[in-house]
Protein backbone atom coordinates (compact mmCIF):
# COMPACT_ATOMS: atom_id res chain seq x y z
CA MET A 1 -186.77 90.30 12.85
CA GLU A 2 -185.31 86.96 12.58
CA GLN A 3 -184.72 85.33 16.07
CA THR A 4 -181.72 82.96 16.10
CA ALA A 5 -181.92 80.01 18.54
CA LYS A 6 -179.19 79.37 21.21
CA LYS A 7 -177.17 76.34 20.64
CA GLY A 8 -177.66 74.21 23.57
CA ASN A 9 -176.01 71.10 24.81
CA GLY A 10 -178.69 68.68 24.53
CA LEU A 11 -176.45 65.53 25.25
CA GLY A 12 -174.96 67.42 28.38
CA VAL A 13 -178.46 68.01 29.69
CA THR A 14 -179.62 64.44 28.94
CA GLY A 15 -176.48 63.15 30.74
CA LEU A 16 -177.20 65.58 33.70
CA VAL A 17 -180.64 63.99 34.00
CA MET A 18 -179.43 60.60 33.71
CA GLY A 19 -176.69 61.26 36.41
CA ILE A 20 -179.31 62.83 38.81
CA LEU A 21 -181.23 59.61 38.48
CA GLY A 22 -178.25 57.38 39.09
CA ILE A 23 -177.58 59.26 42.28
CA LEU A 24 -181.19 59.07 43.28
CA PHE A 25 -181.24 55.26 42.73
CA ILE A 26 -177.98 54.54 44.63
CA TRP A 27 -179.59 54.82 47.92
CA PHE A 28 -182.21 52.19 47.46
CA PRO A 29 -180.53 48.88 48.22
CA PHE A 30 -180.99 46.12 45.49
CA LEU A 31 -182.16 48.83 43.02
CA ASN A 32 -178.53 50.10 42.39
CA TRP A 33 -178.47 48.24 39.11
CA LEU A 34 -180.92 50.84 37.74
CA GLY A 35 -178.27 53.41 39.08
CA TRP A 36 -175.57 51.77 37.05
CA ILE A 37 -177.38 52.09 33.72
CA PHE A 38 -178.14 55.83 34.55
CA ALA A 39 -174.58 56.43 35.61
CA ALA A 40 -173.34 54.86 32.55
CA LEU A 41 -175.60 56.79 30.11
CA ALA A 42 -174.61 60.06 32.18
CA LEU A 43 -170.83 59.34 31.51
CA ILE A 44 -171.56 58.42 27.74
CA PHE A 45 -173.72 61.43 27.08
CA GLY A 46 -171.58 63.70 29.30
CA LEU A 47 -168.31 62.67 27.50
CA ILE A 48 -169.99 63.22 24.07
CA GLY A 49 -171.45 66.45 25.32
CA CYS A 50 -168.13 67.81 26.56
CA PHE A 51 -166.30 67.22 23.12
CA GLY A 52 -169.26 67.80 20.80
CA ASN A 53 -170.15 71.51 21.91
CA LYS A 54 -167.21 73.91 22.35
CA LYS A 55 -169.08 76.58 24.18
CA SER A 56 -171.62 74.94 26.34
CA LYS A 57 -169.59 72.40 28.40
CA GLY A 58 -170.49 73.09 32.05
CA ILE A 59 -173.56 70.90 32.16
CA ALA A 60 -171.87 67.84 30.40
CA ILE A 61 -169.05 68.19 32.86
CA ALA A 62 -171.66 68.05 35.79
CA ALA A 63 -173.12 64.69 34.20
CA VAL A 64 -169.61 63.27 34.10
CA VAL A 65 -168.91 64.30 37.55
CA LEU A 66 -172.42 62.81 38.90
CA ALA A 67 -171.58 59.50 37.04
CA VAL A 68 -168.04 59.37 38.54
CA ALA A 69 -169.52 60.20 41.95
CA TYR A 70 -171.85 57.26 41.49
CA PHE A 71 -169.29 54.85 40.67
CA CYS A 72 -167.24 55.93 43.80
CA ILE A 73 -170.07 55.78 46.14
CA TYR A 74 -171.03 52.44 44.83
CA TYR A 75 -167.64 51.02 44.97
CA PHE A 76 -166.57 52.19 48.39
CA TYR A 77 -170.01 52.09 50.10
CA TRP A 78 -172.38 49.29 48.53
CA ALA A 79 -169.76 46.83 47.20
CA PRO A 80 -168.45 45.86 50.48
CA LYS A 81 -171.78 45.66 51.93
CA TYR A 82 -172.98 43.12 49.12
CA LYS A 83 -169.66 41.20 49.39
CA ALA A 84 -170.19 40.76 53.29
CA LEU A 85 -173.63 39.57 52.55
CA GLY A 86 -172.64 37.05 50.16
CA ASP A 87 -170.06 35.72 52.48
CA ALA A 88 -172.68 35.63 55.19
CA PHE A 89 -174.84 33.64 52.97
CA LYS A 90 -172.27 31.40 52.08
CA SER A 91 -171.03 30.60 55.44
CA GLU A 92 -174.40 30.45 57.51
CA VAL A 93 -176.90 29.25 54.99
CA VAL A 94 -174.81 26.36 53.46
CA ASN A 95 -174.01 25.13 57.00
CA SER A 96 -177.42 25.07 58.44
CA LEU A 97 -179.23 21.86 58.31
CA THR A 98 -182.93 22.34 59.06
CA GLU A 99 -185.47 24.98 57.79
CA GLU A 100 -185.76 26.89 61.02
CA SER A 101 -181.92 27.17 61.53
CA ALA A 102 -181.57 28.29 57.88
CA LYS A 103 -184.27 31.05 58.54
CA GLU A 104 -182.33 32.24 61.68
CA ALA A 105 -179.14 32.25 59.82
CA VAL A 106 -180.59 34.23 56.90
CA GLU A 107 -181.79 36.66 59.48
CA LYS A 108 -178.43 36.76 61.30
CA ALA A 109 -176.50 37.12 58.06
CA ILE A 110 -178.64 40.11 56.92
CA ASP A 111 -178.42 41.95 60.20
CA GLU A 112 -174.59 41.41 60.40
CA ALA A 113 -174.08 42.56 56.85
CA LEU A 114 -176.14 45.69 57.31
CA ALA A 115 -174.58 46.61 60.66
CA GLU A 116 -171.15 46.88 58.99
């Protein structure tokens, strides 16, 4: 008896794993750039998996959905926080003259940015 191997969607599975890693890394501040890499790879592998394999598309579609979810979460949640943090550093740190006041200004800016 000859067994035939089922054709899987290897690129879709790879994209799904990358998408899961991207979603995991989005919740770690200042490590989001790793999530960007994983989400971009998930999007690429997921799209190739969608168009490459006609029968097994579900996993590839899930990879694309996770990648798009990552980019939406980043854009609507983290980008405004990073922008507020950058603006706070510009306004508070540049205007402070002494080292002690600079340290207090940085701590205040971080607290304000994370409170938003």
